């Protein structure tokens, strides 16, 4: 540990740790409370598990969003039909489970998404799915 002092001599000397900036946690990483401090933006070496949404309806919406996430153009009719059928089945099961008076705020957005999928309007279908996802949180 070295002491830094103000060149003009107006501030008292304070101790400074000889820690250099680190890009990953290692032997030279700063330690706080017995654990190394991970720099901002450093990645973990252990694999992360994705947290699955709670309800089957939320899982169906997450799967549909993932299917349309990186689409650059058209999606084949078979894929659109598969996504549409998955969403409609999830909505029907959700309504059967919770009833019409249960948490159904996302259902209209999902029906709109299905209509856009059937019409081939992927951008609007994606936006409706994002709305449904937000309503399910």
Foldseek 3Di string as FASTA:
>chain_A
DDWDADPVRPDDIDDDDPQDDDQADDPRADDDPRHGDGDPPRDDPDDDDDDADDALLLNLLVVLLVVLVPDDDFDDLVVLVVSLVSNVVSLVVVCVVQPPPGLCPLVVLSVQLNVCSVVRNSVSSNVSSVVSNVSSD
